[in-house]
Protein backbone atom coordinates (compact mmCIF):
# COMPACT_ATOMS: atom_id res chain seq x y z
CA MET A 1 -32.45 -8.04 -17.59
CA PRO A 2 -31.35 -8.56 -13.90
CA ALA A 3 -34.31 -9.04 -11.39
CA SER A 4 -33.36 -5.50 -9.54
CA ALA A 5 -33.91 -3.97 -12.73
CA VAL A 6 -37.42 -5.47 -13.64
CA SER A 7 -38.36 -4.89 -9.89
CA THR A 8 -37.43 -1.31 -10.11
CA GLU A 9 -39.63 -1.19 -12.85
CA ARG A 10 -42.62 -2.81 -11.32
CA LEU A 11 -42.11 -0.26 -8.60
CA ILE A 12 -42.13 2.84 -10.91
CA GLU A 13 -45.13 1.27 -13.03
CA ALA A 14 -46.73 1.21 -9.44
CA LEU A 15 -45.76 4.70 -8.29
CA HIS A 16 -47.55 6.04 -11.90
CA ALA A 17 -50.72 4.30 -11.44
CA LEU A 18 -50.97 5.42 -8.12
CA GLU A 19 -50.38 9.02 -9.63
CA GLU A 20 -53.00 8.84 -11.96
CA GLY A 21 -55.42 7.57 -9.75
CA ASP A 22 -55.39 4.09 -9.46
CA LEU A 23 -55.44 3.29 -5.58
CA SER A 24 -56.23 -0.45 -6.26
CA TYR A 25 -52.82 -0.90 -7.96
CA HIS A 26 -51.05 -3.66 -6.84
CA ILE A 27 -47.46 -5.06 -7.31
CA GLU A 28 -47.57 -8.90 -8.12
CA PRO A 29 -44.99 -10.85 -6.49
CA HIS A 30 -42.32 -12.73 -8.74
CA PRO A 31 -40.45 -15.63 -8.00
CA ALA A 32 -37.00 -14.33 -9.03
CA ASP A 33 -37.78 -11.06 -6.18
CA ASP A 34 -34.97 -11.48 -3.48
CA ARG A 35 -36.13 -10.89 0.28
CA GLU A 36 -35.43 -7.32 0.40
CA VAL A 37 -37.56 -6.83 -2.94
CA ALA A 38 -40.37 -8.80 -1.38
CA ASP A 39 -40.47 -6.98 1.81
CA LEU A 40 -40.45 -4.16 -0.45
CA ILE A 41 -43.18 -4.92 -2.54
CA ALA A 42 -45.39 -6.20 0.51
CA ALA A 43 -44.81 -2.91 1.98
CA PHE A 44 -46.03 -0.89 -0.93
CA ASN A 45 -49.22 -3.31 -1.71
CA ARG A 46 -50.07 -2.78 2.18
CA MET A 47 -49.76 1.28 1.65
CA ALA A 48 -51.84 0.93 -1.15
CA ASP A 49 -54.36 -0.78 0.68
CA ALA A 50 -54.19 2.04 3.33
CA VAL A 51 -54.47 4.97 1.17
CA THR A 52 -57.67 2.77 -0.89
CA ALA A 53 -59.24 2.39 2.54
CA ARG A 54 -58.43 5.98 3.91
CA GLU A 55 -59.92 7.34 0.43
CA ARG A 56 -62.98 5.56 1.01
CA SER A 57 -63.56 6.59 3.96
CA LEU A 58 -63.16 10.14 3.24
CA ARG A 59 -65.45 9.86 0.18
CA GLY A 60 -67.92 8.25 2.76
CA ALA A 61 -67.56 11.36 4.87
CA ASN A 62 -67.97 13.91 2.08
CA GLU A 63 -71.26 12.29 1.11
CA ARG A 64 -72.57 12.28 4.71
CA LEU A 65 -71.51 15.95 5.20
CA THR A 66 -72.96 16.86 1.74
CA GLN A 67 -75.98 15.29 2.55
CA VAL A 68 -76.24 17.09 5.89
CA ASN A 69 -75.72 20.39 4.08
CA HIS A 70 -78.18 19.76 1.78
CA THR A 71 -80.61 19.07 4.60
CA GLU A 72 -79.62 21.91 6.21
CA LEU A 73 -80.23 24.44 3.18
CA ASP A 74 -83.56 22.75 2.59
CA MET A 75 -84.43 23.59 6.41
CA LEU A 76 -83.03 27.11 5.98
CA GLY A 77 -85.10 27.58 2.65
CA PHE A 78 -88.19 26.37 4.02
CA VAL A 79 -87.83 28.66 7.35
CA SER A 80 -86.76 31.52 5.33
CA HIS A 81 -89.83 31.29 2.98
CA GLN A 82 -92.35 30.91 6.23
CA LEU A 83 -90.75 34.11 7.82
CA LYS A 84 -90.71 35.89 4.53
CA ASN A 85 -94.53 35.18 4.23
CA LEU A 86 -95.23 36.50 7.70
CA ILE A 87 -92.81 39.31 7.39
CA ALA A 88 -94.52 40.72 4.39
CA PRO A 89 -98.15 41.62 5.76
CA CYS A 90 -96.51 43.16 8.79
CA LEU A 91 -94.13 45.20 6.82
CA LEU A 92 -96.85 46.38 4.46
CA ASN A 93 -99.56 47.69 7.94
CA ALA A 94 -96.17 49.18 9.14
CA CYS A 95 -95.75 51.28 6.32
CA ALA A 96 -99.59 51.81 6.07
CA LEU A 97 -99.75 53.18 9.55
CA LEU A 98 -96.59 55.17 8.85
CA ASP A 99 -98.08 57.00 5.81
CA GLY A 100 -100.93 57.85 7.80
CA LEU A 101 -103.46 56.13 5.73
CA MET A 102 -105.12 54.88 9.41
CA GLY A 103 -104.88 58.26 10.20
CA GLU A 104 -102.42 61.14 11.41
CA LEU A 105 -100.06 59.79 13.98
CA SER A 106 -98.91 62.16 16.82
CA GLU A 107 -94.89 62.77 16.72
CA PRO A 108 -94.00 60.15 19.36
CA GLN A 109 -96.22 57.56 17.48
CA ARG A 110 -94.42 58.34 14.33
CA LYS A 111 -90.97 57.43 16.09
CA VAL A 112 -92.51 54.39 17.46
CA VAL A 113 -93.88 53.25 13.97
CA THR A 114 -90.71 54.63 12.31
CA SER A 115 -88.69 52.36 14.21
CA ILE A 116 -91.01 49.27 13.59
CA VAL A 117 -90.87 49.66 9.88
CA ARG A 118 -87.22 49.90 10.01
CA ASN A 119 -86.89 46.82 12.21
CA ILE A 120 -89.25 44.80 10.20
CA GLU A 121 -87.26 45.65 6.99
CA TYR A 122 -84.06 44.64 8.69
CA ALA A 123 -85.68 40.99 9.49
CA ASP A 124 -87.29 40.93 5.89
CA GLU A 125 -83.71 41.86 4.18
CA MET A 126 -82.00 38.96 6.26
CA VAL A 127 -84.61 36.43 5.20
CA ARG A 128 -84.49 37.28 1.59
CA ARG A 129 -80.45 36.87 1.83
CA PHE A 130 -80.89 33.41 3.58
CA LEU A 131 -83.27 32.55 1.23
CA ASP A 132 -80.92 33.53 -1.52
CA LEU A 133 -78.28 31.64 0.06
CA SER A 134 -80.48 28.45 0.36
CA ARG A 135 -80.96 28.71 -3.47
CA ILE A 136 -77.61 29.44 -4.62
CA GLU A 137 -75.84 26.79 -2.78
CA GLN A 138 -77.94 23.50 -3.45
CA PRO A 139 -76.13 21.03 -5.38
CA ASP A 140 -78.96 20.66 -7.92
CA GLN A 141 -79.29 24.70 -7.86
CA ARG A 142 -79.84 25.58 -11.88
CA VAL A 143 -79.70 28.62 -13.62
CA GLU A 144 -83.19 29.00 -15.78
CA PRO A 145 -82.12 31.59 -18.57
CA GLN A 146 -84.68 33.62 -20.43
CA ARG A 147 -84.34 36.44 -22.69
CA LEU A 148 -84.53 39.74 -20.57
CA ASN A 149 -84.44 43.41 -21.55
CA LEU A 150 -82.45 44.74 -18.15
CA MET A 151 -83.92 47.83 -17.77
CA ALA A 152 -87.32 47.25 -18.15
CA ASP A 153 -87.84 43.72 -16.65
CA ILE A 154 -85.23 44.10 -13.72
CA VAL A 155 -83.72 47.54 -13.15
CA ALA A 156 -86.73 49.88 -13.29
CA PRO A 157 -88.89 47.55 -10.96
CA ALA A 158 -85.96 47.37 -8.67
CA LEU A 159 -85.89 51.46 -8.49
CA ASP A 160 -89.35 51.27 -7.99
CA ARG A 161 -88.75 49.13 -4.59
CA VAL A 162 -86.60 51.29 -3.05
CA GLU A 163 -88.32 54.58 -4.01
CA ARG A 164 -89.64 55.26 -0.15
CA PRO A 165 -85.98 55.00 1.29
CA ILE A 166 -84.51 57.00 -1.86
CA ARG A 167 -86.78 59.70 -1.01
CA GLU A 168 -86.71 59.60 2.75
CA LYS A 169 -82.52 60.02 2.00
CA LYS A 170 -83.21 62.79 -0.06
CA MET A 171 -80.80 60.60 -2.84
CA ASN A 172 -80.65 61.40 -6.50
CA ILE A 173 -80.74 58.47 -9.13
CA GLU A 174 -78.67 58.99 -12.62
CA LYS A 175 -79.47 56.13 -15.35
CA ARG A 176 -76.48 56.01 -18.07
CA TRP A 177 -77.85 53.17 -20.35
CA PRO A 178 -77.37 52.66 -23.92
CA ASP A 179 -79.37 53.26 -26.80
CA GLY A 180 -81.77 50.48 -27.67
CA ASP A 181 -82.54 47.64 -25.65
CA VAL A 182 -79.87 45.81 -23.34
CA THR A 183 -80.73 42.24 -23.27
CA VAL A 184 -79.23 39.39 -21.73
CA ASN A 185 -80.05 35.49 -21.16
CA ALA A 186 -80.42 35.36 -17.74
CA ASP A 187 -82.44 33.89 -14.70
CA PRO A 188 -84.82 36.42 -13.93
CA GLN A 189 -85.03 35.65 -10.45
CA LEU A 190 -81.39 35.68 -10.01
CA MET A 191 -80.80 39.08 -11.93
CA ARG A 192 -83.23 40.83 -9.35
CA VAL A 193 -81.39 39.34 -6.65
CA ILE A 194 -78.04 41.29 -8.21
CA PHE A 195 -79.89 44.59 -9.07
CA ASP A 196 -81.63 44.47 -5.39
CA ASN A 197 -78.43 44.06 -3.85
CA LEU A 198 -76.29 46.41 -5.25
CA ILE A 199 -78.87 49.12 -5.56
CA GLY A 200 -79.67 48.55 -2.05
CA ASN A 201 -75.95 48.71 -1.03
CA ALA A 202 -75.23 51.88 -2.51
CA LEU A 203 -78.66 53.15 -0.70
CA LYS A 204 -77.50 51.90 2.32
CA TYR A 205 -74.09 53.30 2.44
CA GLY A 206 -74.46 56.23 0.32
CA ARG A 207 -74.69 60.09 1.47
CA GLU A 208 -77.71 61.54 2.26
CA GLY A 209 -79.08 63.85 -0.56
CA GLY A 210 -76.32 61.84 -2.36
CA MET A 211 -76.22 60.19 -6.01
CA ILE A 212 -76.72 56.78 -7.16
CA ARG A 213 -75.55 55.86 -10.79
CA ILE A 214 -76.59 53.18 -12.98
CA ARG A 215 -74.65 52.61 -16.02
CA GLY A 216 -74.59 49.97 -18.68
CA ASN A 217 -72.01 49.89 -21.45
CA HIS A 218 -71.42 47.73 -24.46
CA ARG A 219 -67.79 45.73 -24.61
CA ALA A 220 -67.05 43.15 -27.78
CA HIS A 221 -68.87 40.34 -26.66
CA GLU A 222 -70.21 41.27 -23.25
CA TYR A 223 -71.93 44.30 -21.29
CA GLU A 224 -70.37 46.02 -18.30
CA PHE A 225 -72.43 47.27 -15.79
CA GLY A 226 -71.81 49.92 -12.65
CA VAL A 227 -73.81 50.92 -9.38
CA TRP A 228 -71.94 53.62 -8.11
CA ASN A 229 -72.50 55.95 -5.12
CA ASP A 230 -71.08 58.71 -3.36
CA GLY A 231 -70.05 58.25 0.36
CA VAL A 232 -66.97 57.48 2.68
CA GLY A 233 -65.55 54.58 0.01
CA ILE A 234 -63.38 51.98 0.83
CA PRO A 235 -59.75 51.32 1.16
CA LYS A 236 -58.06 49.61 -1.65
CA SER A 237 -56.38 47.23 0.85
CA ARG A 238 -59.76 46.00 1.86
CA LEU A 239 -61.65 45.63 -1.64
CA SER A 240 -60.97 42.06 -2.01
CA GLU A 241 -62.40 41.39 1.22
CA LEU A 242 -65.90 42.54 0.37
CA PHE A 243 -67.08 39.38 -1.48
CA ARG A 244 -66.50 37.18 1.28
CA LYS A 245 -69.02 35.11 2.93
CA PHE A 246 -70.87 36.45 6.02
CA HIS A 247 -68.30 39.18 6.28
CA ARG A 248 -68.74 42.71 6.98
CA LEU A 249 -66.23 45.34 6.89
CA ASN A 250 -65.67 47.00 10.38
CA GLN A 251 -64.15 50.64 9.70
CA ALA A 252 -63.74 53.81 11.47
CA ASN A 253 -65.44 56.07 8.78
CA LEU A 254 -68.01 53.45 7.53
CA PRO A 255 -71.48 53.91 8.81
CA LYS A 256 -72.48 51.50 11.37
CA ARG A 257 -75.52 49.49 9.16
CA ARG A 258 -76.80 45.95 10.22
CA GLY A 259 -76.51 43.45 7.68
CA SER A 260 -76.15 39.64 6.97
CA GLY A 261 -72.93 39.87 5.28
CA LEU A 262 -74.23 37.80 2.39
CA GLY A 263 -75.30 40.38 -0.06
CA LEU A 264 -72.19 40.88 -1.94
CA TYR A 265 -71.40 36.89 -1.67
CA VAL A 266 -74.72 36.00 -3.15
CA THR A 267 -74.21 38.86 -5.98
CA LYS A 268 -70.91 37.29 -6.93
CA THR A 269 -71.85 33.63 -7.01
CA ILE A 270 -74.63 34.71 -9.34
CA ILE A 271 -72.93 36.62 -11.97
CA GLU A 272 -70.12 34.02 -11.91
CA ARG A 273 -72.74 31.20 -12.37
CA HIS A 274 -73.85 33.58 -15.71
CA GLY A 275 -70.61 33.55 -17.04
CA GLY A 276 -69.70 37.06 -15.69
CA THR A 277 -67.52 38.91 -13.19
CA ILE A 278 -67.78 41.16 -10.56
CA ARG A 279 -64.95 43.88 -9.10
CA ALA A 280 -65.62 46.81 -6.59
CA GLU A 281 -63.73 50.14 -7.14
CA SER A 282 -63.23 52.89 -4.87
CA VAL A 283 -61.82 56.28 -4.01
CA GLU A 284 -61.70 56.34 -0.02
CA GLY A 285 -63.67 59.17 1.28
CA GLU A 286 -65.47 59.86 -2.30
CA TRP A 287 -67.26 57.01 -3.46
CA VAL A 288 -67.49 53.39 -4.36
CA GLU A 289 -68.85 51.57 -7.59
CA PHE A 290 -69.75 48.06 -7.95
CA VAL A 291 -68.61 46.98 -11.78
CA PHE A 292 -69.87 43.65 -13.12
CA THR A 293 -70.06 41.87 -16.63
CA LEU A 294 -72.54 39.52 -18.17
CA PRO A 295 -72.35 37.81 -21.50
CA LYS A 296 -74.18 39.21 -24.40
CA PRO A 297 -76.61 36.49 -25.79
CA ASP A 298 -75.66 34.56 -29.10
C-alpha cells in the first residue's frame, strides 16, 4: 500500500479517536512519511495537545465554579434558615395583635398592623423560596421518598396554612378528589413545597370572592393533579415563561404582586425529580390551571 494511503488511514483513525473523546490520541511518525505528511502529522499532534490543555483548563474552571456555587448555596441555605427562625415569631406576634388577642385595635392601629403582617408574610415567603432553592440546587441533593396519602398528609395541611388569607379574600375551595386514598412515593417536604406554592399562587392571583379548585385524577400509570383559580388568566403565548428561574410576568391586566420569581421554577424542578411533568393552561381573562403528574407507586 502506498505511504500516502497509509498516512491517510492514520489521519482518519486519529480523527475518529478525537470524535469519540480520546483527546490524548497522537499519530506516531513513520519513516516512510514525506515532508508534507510529516508536517501534517506534527500539526495534528500540536492541535491534539492544545485541545487536551484546553479541556483540562475548562474542567478545572468548571470544578472551581461548582465549588463556588456549592459554597454560595450553603451560605444561602444557612442565611435563609436563620432568617426563617427570626421571622416566624415576628409573624406570630403580629397576627396575634391583628386578631385582637392583646386587646382591640383602633382602625388606624389595625391598618398599621395589617401592613406589618403583609410585609412579614412577604419576607417569610421570600425566605422560604430561597431556602427551597438552596436545597434543590445542591449537587448532592437527594429525594427521600416515603409512602404518602396526598390529601391527608399534604393537601389538607396546606389548606389549613392558608385559612386566614382565604377567609380574608372571601374565596371558596372546591376539592375534586378520587374515592379512596391517593398514595405516592415522594419526599414529604418537597411535596409540601409543591402544594404550598401552587395553592399560594392561586390565592395570590385569584379573584377576591372567587374559586380555587384542587383536583386529582387517575391515569394508567400516574396521577394527574390540577390547581385552578379564576382570574385574569395568562396569554397562551406567555405560558412557557412561567417556569423560568427568577422570572415574573409583567402584563397590564395582571395584578401587581411582589414575589421572588422562584416558586414555579422550584415547583417544576421538584416534580420532574419525582418523575412527573407540569404545564400551565389558561383562558385569558377567565382562569388559569397548573396541571402536573406524579407516577403511581409500584
